[in-house]
PDB file of N, CA and C in Angstrom:
ATOM      1  N   UNK A   1      16.313  -6.434  -3.668  1.00  0.00           N
ATOM      2  CA  UNK A   1      14.886  -6.928  -4.884  1.00  0.00           C
ATOM      3  C   UNK A   1      14.429  -6.230  -5.542  1.00  0.00           C
ATOM      4  N   UNK A   2      13.667  -6.333  -6.456  1.00  0.00           N
ATOM      5  CA  UNK A   2      12.956  -5.857  -7.971  1.00  0.00           C
ATOM      6  C   UNK A   2      11.521  -5.235  -7.526  1.00  0.00           C
ATOM      7  N   UNK A   3      11.774  -4.394  -8.505  1.00  0.00           N
ATOM      8  CA  UNK A   3       9.959  -3.641  -7.983  1.00  0.00           C
ATOM      9  C   UNK A   3       8.849  -4.211  -7.481  1.00  0.00           C
ATOM     10  N   UNK A   4       9.383  -6.000  -8.198  1.00  0.00           N
ATOM     11  CA  UNK A   4       7.383  -6.803  -8.960  1.00  0.00           C
ATOM     12  C   UNK A   4       7.988  -7.584  -7.230  1.00  0.00           C
ATOM     13  N   UNK A   5       8.412  -7.871  -6.281  1.00  0.00           N
ATOM     14  CA  UNK A   5       9.058  -8.311  -5.128  1.00  0.00           C
ATOM     15  C   UNK A   5       7.283  -7.865  -4.384  1.00  0.00           C
ATOM     16  N   UNK A   6       7.307  -8.997  -3.373  1.00  0.00           N
ATOM     17  CA  UNK A   6       6.237  -8.666  -2.332  1.00  0.00           C
ATOM     18  C   UNK A   6       7.232  -7.462  -1.290  1.00  0.00           C
ATOM     19  N   UNK A   7       6.116  -6.686  -1.135  1.00  0.00           N
ATOM     20  CA  UNK A   7       6.614  -5.695   0.257  1.00  0.00           C
ATOM     21  C   UNK A   7       6.144  -6.734   1.688  1.00  0.00           C
ATOM     22  N   UNK A   8       7.872  -6.421   2.347  1.00  0.00           N
ATOM     23  CA  UNK A   8       8.122  -7.627   3.328  1.00  0.00           C
ATOM     24  C   UNK A   8       8.398  -6.969   4.557  1.00  0.00           C
ATOM     25  N   UNK A   9       8.326  -7.295   6.213  1.00  0.00           N
ATOM     26  CA  UNK A   9       9.007  -6.757   6.868  1.00  0.00           C
ATOM     27  C   UNK A   9      10.358  -5.978   6.783  1.00  0.00           C
ATOM     28  N   UNK A  10      10.827  -4.954   6.869  1.00  0.00           N
ATOM     29  CA  UNK A  10      11.765  -4.294   6.752  1.00  0.00           C
ATOM     30  C   UNK A  10      13.317  -5.557   7.728  1.00  0.00           C
ATOM     31  N   UNK A  11      14.339  -5.248   7.460  1.00  0.00           N
ATOM     32  CA  UNK A  11      15.321  -5.862   8.055  1.00  0.00           C
ATOM     33  C   UNK A  11      16.406  -4.403   9.026  1.00  0.00           C
ATOM     34  N   UNK A  12      15.992  -4.238   9.796  1.00  0.00           N
ATOM     35  CA  UNK A  12      17.454  -3.735   9.978  1.00  0.00           C
ATOM     36  C   UNK A  12      18.917  -3.733  11.603  1.00  0.00           C
ATOM     37  N   UNK A  13      19.545  -4.170  11.061  1.00  0.00           N
ATOM     38  CA  UNK A  13      20.125  -5.145  12.195  1.00  0.00           C
ATOM     39  C   UNK A  13      20.550  -5.821  12.072  1.00  0.00           C
ATOM     40  N   UNK A  14      19.714  -6.402  11.217  1.00  0.00           N
ATOM     41  CA  UNK A  14      19.203  -8.057  11.566  1.00  0.00           C
ATOM     42  C   UNK A  14      18.229  -8.953  12.335  1.00  0.00           C
ATOM     43  N   UNK A  15      17.137  -7.618  12.946  1.00  0.00           N
ATOM     44  CA  UNK A  15      16.002  -7.568  14.160  1.00  0.00           C
ATOM     45  C   UNK A  15      14.869  -6.858  12.302  1.00  0.00           C
ATOM     46  N   UNK A  16      13.781  -8.116  12.444  1.00  0.00           N
ATOM     47  CA  UNK A  16      12.946  -7.820  11.839  1.00  0.00           C
ATOM     48  C   UNK A  16      12.319  -6.438  12.314  1.00  0.00           C
ATOM     49  N   UNK A  17      11.593  -5.635  11.229  1.00  0.00           N
ATOM     50  CA  UNK A  17      10.224  -4.856  12.128  1.00  0.00           C
ATOM     51  C   UNK A  17       9.561  -4.649  11.458  1.00  0.00           C
ATOM     52  N   UNK A  18       8.813  -5.008  11.767  1.00  0.00           N
ATOM     53  CA  UNK A  18       6.963  -4.505  11.350  1.00  0.00           C
ATOM     54  C   UNK A  18       6.061  -3.625  12.348  1.00  0.00           C
ATOM     55  N   UNK A  19       5.583  -2.313  10.989  1.00  0.00           N
ATOM     56  CA  UNK A  19       5.208  -1.491  11.516  1.00  0.00           C
ATOM     57  C   UNK A  19       3.646  -1.586  12.260  1.00  0.00           C
ATOM     58  N   UNK A  20       3.793  -0.523  12.992  1.00  0.00           N
ATOM     59  CA  UNK A  20       2.194  -1.077  13.387  1.00  0.00           C
ATOM     60  C   UNK A  20       1.347  -1.033  12.515  1.00  0.00           C
ATOM     61  N   UNK A  21      -0.236  -1.497  12.723  1.00  0.00           N
ATOM     62  CA  UNK A  21      -1.551  -2.097  12.072  1.00  0.00           C
ATOM     63  C   UNK A  21      -1.332  -0.630  11.724  1.00  0.00           C
ATOM     64  N   UNK A  22      -1.921  -0.019  10.675  1.00  0.00           N
ATOM     65  CA  UNK A  22      -2.935   1.336  10.426  1.00  0.00           C
ATOM     66  C   UNK A  22      -3.682   0.979  11.004  1.00  0.00           C
ATOM     67  N   UNK A  23      -4.591   2.783  11.347  1.00  0.00           N
ATOM     68  CA  UNK A  23      -5.294   2.658  12.386  1.00  0.00           C
ATOM     69  C   UNK A  23      -7.033   2.362  10.806  1.00  0.00           C
ATOM     70  N   UNK A  24      -8.182   2.031  12.024  1.00  0.00           N
ATOM     71  CA  UNK A  24      -9.360   2.164  11.822  1.00  0.00           C
ATOM     72  C   UNK A  24     -10.043   2.975  10.775  1.00  0.00           C
ATOM     73  N   UNK A  25      -9.499   4.330  10.755  1.00  0.00           N
ATOM     74  CA  UNK A  25      -9.945   5.268   9.858  1.00  0.00           C
ATOM     75  C   UNK A  25      -9.480   4.843   8.286  1.00  0.00           C
ATOM     76  N   UNK A  26      -7.553   4.767   8.987  1.00  0.00           N
ATOM     77  CA  UNK A  26      -7.445   4.484   8.008  1.00  0.00           C
ATOM     78  C   UNK A  26      -7.755   3.532   6.889  1.00  0.00           C
ATOM     79  N   UNK A  27      -8.113   2.260   7.803  1.00  0.00           N
ATOM     80  CA  UNK A  27      -8.521   0.870   7.367  1.00  0.00           C
ATOM     81  C   UNK A  27      -9.298   0.887   6.260  1.00  0.00           C
ATOM     82  N   UNK A  28     -10.620   2.205   6.969  1.00  0.00           N
ATOM     83  CA  UNK A  28     -12.366   2.417   6.382  1.00  0.00           C
ATOM     84  C   UNK A  28     -11.456   2.404   5.047  1.00  0.00           C
ATOM     85  N   UNK A  29     -10.732   4.405   4.381  1.00  0.00           N
ATOM     86  CA  UNK A  29      -9.776   4.462   3.522  1.00  0.00           C
ATOM     87  C   UNK A  29      -9.532   3.525   2.978  1.00  0.00           C
ATOM     88  N   UNK A  30      -8.695   3.214   3.121  1.00  0.00           N
ATOM     89  CA  UNK A  30      -8.065   2.403   1.555  1.00  0.00           C
ATOM     90  C   UNK A  30      -9.228   1.006   1.481  1.00  0.00           C
ATOM     91  N   UNK A  31     -10.718   0.703   2.565  1.00  0.00           N
ATOM     92  CA  UNK A  31     -10.859  -0.373   1.928  1.00  0.00           C
ATOM     93  C   UNK A  31     -11.943   0.057   0.583  1.00  0.00           C
ATOM     94  N   UNK A  32     -11.827   1.662   0.562  1.00  0.00           N
ATOM     95  CA  UNK A  32     -13.210   2.295  -0.138  1.00  0.00           C
ATOM     96  C   UNK A  32     -12.529   2.432  -1.667  1.00  0.00           C
ATOM     97  N   UNK A  33     -10.998   2.849  -1.283  1.00  0.00           N
ATOM     98  CA  UNK A  33     -10.763   2.845  -2.374  1.00  0.00           C
ATOM     99  C   UNK A  33      -9.786   1.267  -3.113  1.00  0.00           C
ATOM    100  N   UNK A  34     -10.261   0.239  -2.932  1.00  0.00           N
ATOM    101  CA  UNK A  34      -9.863  -0.815  -3.435  1.00  0.00           C
ATOM    102  C   UNK A  34     -11.122  -1.411  -3.291  1.00  0.00           C
ATOM    103  N   UNK A  35     -12.169  -1.252  -3.613  1.00  0.00           N
ATOM    104  CA  UNK A  35     -13.605  -1.158  -4.052  1.00  0.00           C
ATOM    105  C   UNK A  35     -14.053  -0.665  -4.830  1.00  0.00           C
ATOM    106  N   UNK A  36     -12.672   1.141  -5.455  1.00  0.00           N
ATOM    107  CA  UNK A  36     -13.857   1.601  -6.009  1.00  0.00           C
ATOM    108  C   UNK A  36     -12.011   1.941  -6.811  1.00  0.00           C
ATOM    109  N   UNK A  37     -11.235   0.809  -7.280  1.00  0.00           N
ATOM    110  CA  UNK A  37      -9.861   0.368  -7.920  1.00  0.00           C
ATOM    111  C   UNK A  37     -10.112   0.467  -8.845  1.00  0.00           C
ATOM    112  N   UNK A  38     -10.840   0.871 -10.718  1.00  0.00           N
ATOM    113  CA  UNK A  38     -10.751   1.120 -11.552  1.00  0.00           C
ATOM    114  C   UNK A  38     -10.852   2.638 -11.347  1.00  0.00           C
ATOM    115  N   UNK A  39     -11.383   3.794 -10.560  1.00  0.00           N
ATOM    116  CA  UNK A  39     -11.892   5.433 -10.453  1.00  0.00           C
ATOM    117  C   UNK A  39     -10.040   5.352 -10.075  1.00  0.00           C
ATOM    118  N   UNK A  40      -9.988   5.596  -8.744  1.00  0.00           N
ATOM    119  CA  UNK A  40      -8.868   5.431  -8.043  1.00  0.00           C
ATOM    120  C   UNK A  40      -7.825   5.756  -8.737  1.00  0.00           C
ATOM    121  N   UNK A  41      -7.636   4.149  -9.598  1.00  0.00           N
ATOM    122  CA  UNK A  41      -6.452   4.277 -10.575  1.00  0.00           C
ATOM    123  C   UNK A  41      -6.502   4.934 -11.092  1.00  0.00           C
ATOM    124  N   UNK A  42      -7.801   5.016 -12.320  1.00  0.00           N
ATOM    125  CA  UNK A  42      -7.971   6.245 -13.013  1.00  0.00           C
ATOM    126  C   UNK A  42      -7.376   7.811 -12.701  1.00  0.00           C
ATOM    127  N   UNK A  43      -7.179   8.147 -11.415  1.00  0.00           N
ATOM    128  CA  UNK A  43      -7.668   9.202 -10.757  1.00  0.00           C
ATOM    129  C   UNK A  43      -5.728   9.316 -10.650  1.00  0.00           C
ATOM    130  N   UNK A  44      -4.546   7.872  -9.961  1.00  0.00           N
ATOM    131  CA  UNK A  44      -3.858   8.454 -10.025  1.00  0.00           C
ATOM    132  C   UNK A  44      -2.772   7.895 -11.826  1.00  0.00           C
ATOM    133  N   UNK A  45      -3.072   7.716 -12.627  1.00  0.00           N
ATOM    134  CA  UNK A  45      -3.392   7.493 -14.119  1.00  0.00           C
ATOM    135  C   UNK A  45      -2.368   5.832 -14.145  1.00  0.00           C
ATOM    136  N   UNK A  46      -2.454   4.874 -12.959  1.00  0.00           N
ATOM    137  CA  UNK A  46      -2.688   4.013 -13.435  1.00  0.00           C
ATOM    138  C   UNK A  46      -3.145   3.005 -13.826  1.00  0.00           C
ATOM    139  N   UNK A  47      -2.737   1.417 -14.421  1.00  0.00           N
ATOM    140  CA  UNK A  47      -3.481   0.441 -14.699  1.00  0.00           C
ATOM    141  C   UNK A  47      -4.029  -0.186 -13.794  1.00  0.00           C
ATOM    142  N   UNK A  48      -4.815  -0.438 -13.340  1.00  0.00           N
ATOM    143  CA  UNK A  48      -6.146  -0.720 -12.335  1.00  0.00           C
ATOM    144  C   UNK A  48      -5.812  -2.180 -11.822  1.00  0.00           C
ATOM    145  N   UNK A  49      -5.099  -3.601 -13.019  1.00  0.00           N
ATOM    146  CA  UNK A  49      -4.487  -4.427 -12.331  1.00  0.00           C
ATOM    147  C   UNK A  49      -3.153  -4.485 -10.992  1.00  0.00           C
ATOM    148  N   UNK A  50      -2.444  -3.299 -11.526  1.00  0.00           N
ATOM    149  CA  UNK A  50      -1.180  -2.715 -10.868  1.00  0.00           C
ATOM    150  C   UNK A  50      -2.108  -2.245  -9.366  1.00  0.00           C
ATOM    151  N   UNK A  51      -2.506  -1.218  -9.210  1.00  0.00           N
ATOM    152  CA  UNK A  51      -2.991  -1.457  -8.174  1.00  0.00           C
ATOM    153  C   UNK A  51      -3.582  -2.291  -7.314  1.00  0.00           C
ATOM    154  N   UNK A  52      -4.390  -3.469  -8.344  1.00  0.00           N
ATOM    155  CA  UNK A  52      -4.972  -4.752  -7.221  1.00  0.00           C
ATOM    156  C   UNK A  52      -4.065  -5.083  -6.453  1.00  0.00           C
ATOM    157  N   UNK A  53      -2.428  -5.435  -7.146  1.00  0.00           N
ATOM    158  CA  UNK A  53      -1.047  -6.179  -6.790  1.00  0.00           C
ATOM    159  C   UNK A  53      -0.840  -5.049  -6.234  1.00  0.00           C
ATOM    160  N   UNK A  54      -0.617  -3.953  -5.845  1.00  0.00           N
ATOM    161  CA  UNK A  54       0.022  -3.429  -5.015  1.00  0.00           C
ATOM    162  C   UNK A  54      -0.865  -3.282  -3.695  1.00  0.00           C
ATOM    163  N   UNK A  55      -2.331  -3.197  -4.080  1.00  0.00           N
ATOM    164  CA  UNK A  55      -3.383  -3.450  -2.720  1.00  0.00           C
ATOM    165  C   UNK A  55      -3.470  -4.818  -2.157  1.00  0.00           C
ATOM    166  N   UNK A  56      -2.862  -6.094  -3.014  1.00  0.00           N
ATOM    167  CA  UNK A  56      -3.085  -7.178  -2.981  1.00  0.00           C
ATOM    168  C   UNK A  56      -1.067  -7.301  -2.266  1.00  0.00           C
ATOM    169  N   UNK A  57      -0.384  -7.383  -1.805  1.00  0.00           N
ATOM    170  CA  UNK A  57       0.917  -6.996  -1.637  1.00  0.00           C
ATOM    171  C   UNK A  57       1.529  -7.705  -2.179  1.00  0.00           C
ATOM    172  N   UNK A  58       0.787  -7.829  -3.446  1.00  0.00           N
ATOM    173  CA  UNK A  58       2.037  -8.907  -4.245  1.00  0.00           C
ATOM    174  C   UNK A  58       2.649  -7.577  -5.281  1.00  0.00           C
ATOM    175  N   UNK A  59       2.965  -6.745  -5.129  1.00  0.00           N
ATOM    176  CA  UNK A  59       3.872  -5.582  -5.831  1.00  0.00           C
ATOM    177  C   UNK A  59       4.290  -4.746  -5.060  1.00  0.00           C
ATOM    178  N   UNK A  60       5.549  -3.681  -4.563  1.00  0.00           N
ATOM    179  CA  UNK A  60       5.825  -2.577  -3.828  1.00  0.00           C
ATOM    180  C   UNK A  60       5.607  -1.351  -4.780  1.00  0.00           C
ATOM    181  N   UNK A  61       5.061   0.014  -4.242  1.00  0.00           N
ATOM    182  CA  UNK A  61       4.997   0.995  -5.235  1.00  0.00           C
ATOM    183  C   UNK A  61       6.207   1.537  -4.887  1.00  0.00           C
ATOM    184  N   UNK A  62       7.070   2.258  -6.012  1.00  0.00           N
ATOM    185  CA  UNK A  62       6.940   3.419  -5.837  1.00  0.00           C
ATOM    186  C   UNK A  62       7.512   4.597  -4.531  1.00  0.00           C
ATOM    187  N   UNK A  63       8.170   5.103  -4.226  1.00  0.00           N
ATOM    188  CA  UNK A  63       7.828   6.695  -3.246  1.00  0.00           C
ATOM    189  C   UNK A  63       7.262   7.160  -3.533  1.00  0.00           C
ATOM    190  N   UNK A  64       6.897   7.854  -4.614  1.00  0.00           N
ATOM    191  CA  UNK A  64       6.114   8.721  -5.330  1.00  0.00           C
ATOM    192  C   UNK A  64       5.013   8.188  -5.913  1.00  0.00           C
ATOM    193  N   UNK A  65       4.654   6.824  -5.735  1.00  0.00           N
ATOM    194  CA  UNK A  65       3.140   6.065  -5.986  1.00  0.00           C
ATOM    195  C   UNK A  65       2.433   6.275  -4.881  1.00  0.00           C
ATOM    196  N   UNK A  66       3.249   5.207  -4.113  1.00  0.00           N
ATOM    197  CA  UNK A  66       2.480   5.495  -2.813  1.00  0.00           C
ATOM    198  C   UNK A  66       2.514   7.029  -1.744  1.00  0.00           C
ATOM    199  N   UNK A  67       2.736   7.794  -2.332  1.00  0.00           N
ATOM    200  CA  UNK A  67       3.393   9.053  -1.629  1.00  0.00           C
ATOM    201  C   UNK A  67       1.254   9.497  -3.006  1.00  0.00           C
ATOM    202  N   UNK A  68       1.540   9.686  -3.558  1.00  0.00           N
ATOM    203  CA  UNK A  68      -0.020   9.991  -4.926  1.00  0.00           C
ATOM    204  C   UNK A  68      -1.201   8.894  -4.144  1.00  0.00           C
ATOM    205  N   UNK A  69      -0.815   7.579  -3.778  1.00  0.00           N
ATOM    206  CA  UNK A  69      -1.686   6.870  -3.656  1.00  0.00           C
ATOM    207  C   UNK A  69      -2.467   7.286  -1.610  1.00  0.00           C
ATOM    208  N   UNK A  70      -1.308   7.240  -0.499  1.00  0.00           N
ATOM    209  CA  UNK A  70      -1.605   8.049   0.519  1.00  0.00           C
ATOM    210  C   UNK A  70      -2.559   8.770   0.662  1.00  0.00           C
ATOM    211  N   UNK A  71      -1.906  10.006  -0.580  1.00  0.00           N
ATOM    212  CA  UNK A  71      -2.511  11.909  -0.682  1.00  0.00           C
ATOM    213  C   UNK A  71      -4.553  11.715  -1.007  1.00  0.00           C
ATOM    214  N   UNK A  72      -4.123  10.693  -2.294  1.00  0.00           N
ATOM    215  CA  UNK A  72      -5.681  10.607  -2.502  1.00  0.00           C
ATOM    216  C   UNK A  72      -6.197   9.961  -2.058  1.00  0.00           C
ATOM    217  N   UNK A  73      -6.144   9.191  -1.199  1.00  0.00           N
ATOM    218  CA  UNK A  73      -6.829   8.329   0.128  1.00  0.00           C
ATOM    219  C   UNK A  73      -7.023   9.208   1.343  1.00  0.00           C
ATOM    220  N   UNK A  74      -6.417  10.019   1.179  1.00  0.00           N
ATOM    221  CA  UNK A  74      -5.984  11.098   2.480  1.00  0.00           C
ATOM    222  C   UNK A  74      -5.317  10.981   3.955  1.00  0.00           C
ATOM    223  N   UNK A  75      -4.447   9.539   3.640  1.00  0.00           N
ATOM    224  CA  UNK A  75      -3.844   9.222   5.084  1.00  0.00           C
ATOM    225  C   UNK A  75      -2.573   8.917   4.856  1.00  0.00           C
ATOM    226  N   UNK A  76      -1.999   8.989   5.558  1.00  0.00           N
ATOM    227  CA  UNK A  76      -0.629   9.037   5.676  1.00  0.00           C
ATOM    228  C   UNK A  76       0.400   8.517   5.374  1.00  0.00           C
ATOM    229  N   UNK A  77       1.544   8.301   4.245  1.00  0.00           N
ATOM    230  CA  UNK A  77       1.836   7.518   4.226  1.00  0.00           C
ATOM    231  C   UNK A  77       2.838   6.287   5.129  1.00  0.00           C
ATOM    232  N   UNK A  78       2.606   6.456   6.718  1.00  0.00           N
ATOM    233  CA  UNK A  78       3.333   5.695   7.480  1.00  0.00           C
ATOM    234  C   UNK A  78       2.005   4.435   8.129  1.00  0.00           C
ATOM    235  N   UNK A  79       0.727   4.749   7.219  1.00  0.00           N
ATOM    236  CA  UNK A  79      -0.896   3.973   7.403  1.00  0.00           C
ATOM    237  C   UNK A  79      -0.546   3.103   6.030  1.00  0.00           C
ATOM    238  N   UNK A  80      -0.687   3.556   5.251  1.00  0.00           N
ATOM    239  CA  UNK A  80      -0.371   3.073   3.432  1.00  0.00           C
ATOM    240  C   UNK A  80       0.458   1.820   3.821  1.00  0.00           C
ATOM    241  N   UNK A  81       2.041   2.273   4.565  1.00  0.00           N
ATOM    242  CA  UNK A  81       2.829   1.778   4.382  1.00  0.00           C
ATOM    243  C   UNK A  81       2.357   0.303   5.564  1.00  0.00           C
ATOM    244  N   UNK A  82       2.205   0.657   6.952  1.00  0.00           N
ATOM    245  CA  UNK A  82       1.537  -0.064   7.299  1.00  0.00           C
ATOM    246  C   UNK A  82       0.474  -1.792   6.364  1.00  0.00           C
ATOM    247  N   UNK A  83      -0.286  -0.827   5.995  1.00  0.00           N
ATOM    248  CA  UNK A  83      -1.883  -1.514   5.816  1.00  0.00           C
ATOM    249  C   UNK A  83      -1.101  -2.391   4.609  1.00  0.00           C
ATOM    250  N   UNK A  84       0.003  -2.116   3.161  1.00  0.00           N
ATOM    251  CA  UNK A  84       1.000  -2.948   2.754  1.00  0.00           C
ATOM    252  C   UNK A  84       1.752  -3.783   2.870  1.00  0.00           C
ATOM    253  N   UNK A  85       2.352  -3.612   4.478  1.00  0.00           N
ATOM    254  CA  UNK A  85       3.263  -4.713   5.179  1.00  0.00           C
ATOM    255  C   UNK A  85       2.553  -6.112   5.881  1.00  0.00           C
ATOM    256  N   UNK A  86       1.577  -5.415   5.651  1.00  0.00           N
ATOM    257  CA  UNK A  86      -0.270  -6.493   6.873  1.00  0.00           C
ATOM    258  C   UNK A  86      -0.615  -6.764   5.503  1.00  0.00           C
ATOM    259  N   UNK A  87      -0.741  -6.339   5.040  1.00  0.00           N
ATOM    260  CA  UNK A  87      -1.485  -7.070   3.202  1.00  0.00           C
ATOM    261  C   UNK A  87      -0.846  -8.357   3.299  1.00  0.00           C
ATOM    262  N   UNK A  88       0.740  -8.000   3.292  1.00  0.00           N
ATOM    263  CA  UNK A  88       1.920  -9.031   2.436  1.00  0.00           C
ATOM    264  C   UNK A  88       2.160  -9.827   3.481  1.00  0.00           C
ATOM    265  N   UNK A  89       1.535 -10.276   4.317  1.00  0.00           N
ATOM    266  CA  UNK A  89       1.837 -10.803   5.326  1.00  0.00           C
ATOM    267  C   UNK A  89       0.708 -12.270   5.674  1.00  0.00           C
ATOM    268  N   UNK A  90       0.065 -11.480   5.401  1.00  0.00           N
ATOM    269  CA  UNK A  90      -1.462 -12.730   5.275  1.00  0.00           C
ATOM    270  C   UNK A  90      -2.106 -12.970   4.570  1.00  0.00           C
TER     271      UNK A  90
END
């Protein structure tokens, strides 16, 4: 996969592994970041359209970017990954 591909469920030994849905608290925090994407992107040093594509499930963030996003939103990396996988599926 390339960096520009959408996030999908992981495959382990031929079996699809879909993470649990993010917690309600994480969803609220992510929703706040989504509403304030320009400021959120600036705080991370990213272009707003890149952040928009990540939240829409159209781009996969690097581990470094995902960790920075999760830290900035104050959620676990698992919750962010769960949100991104579910956003890509829906």
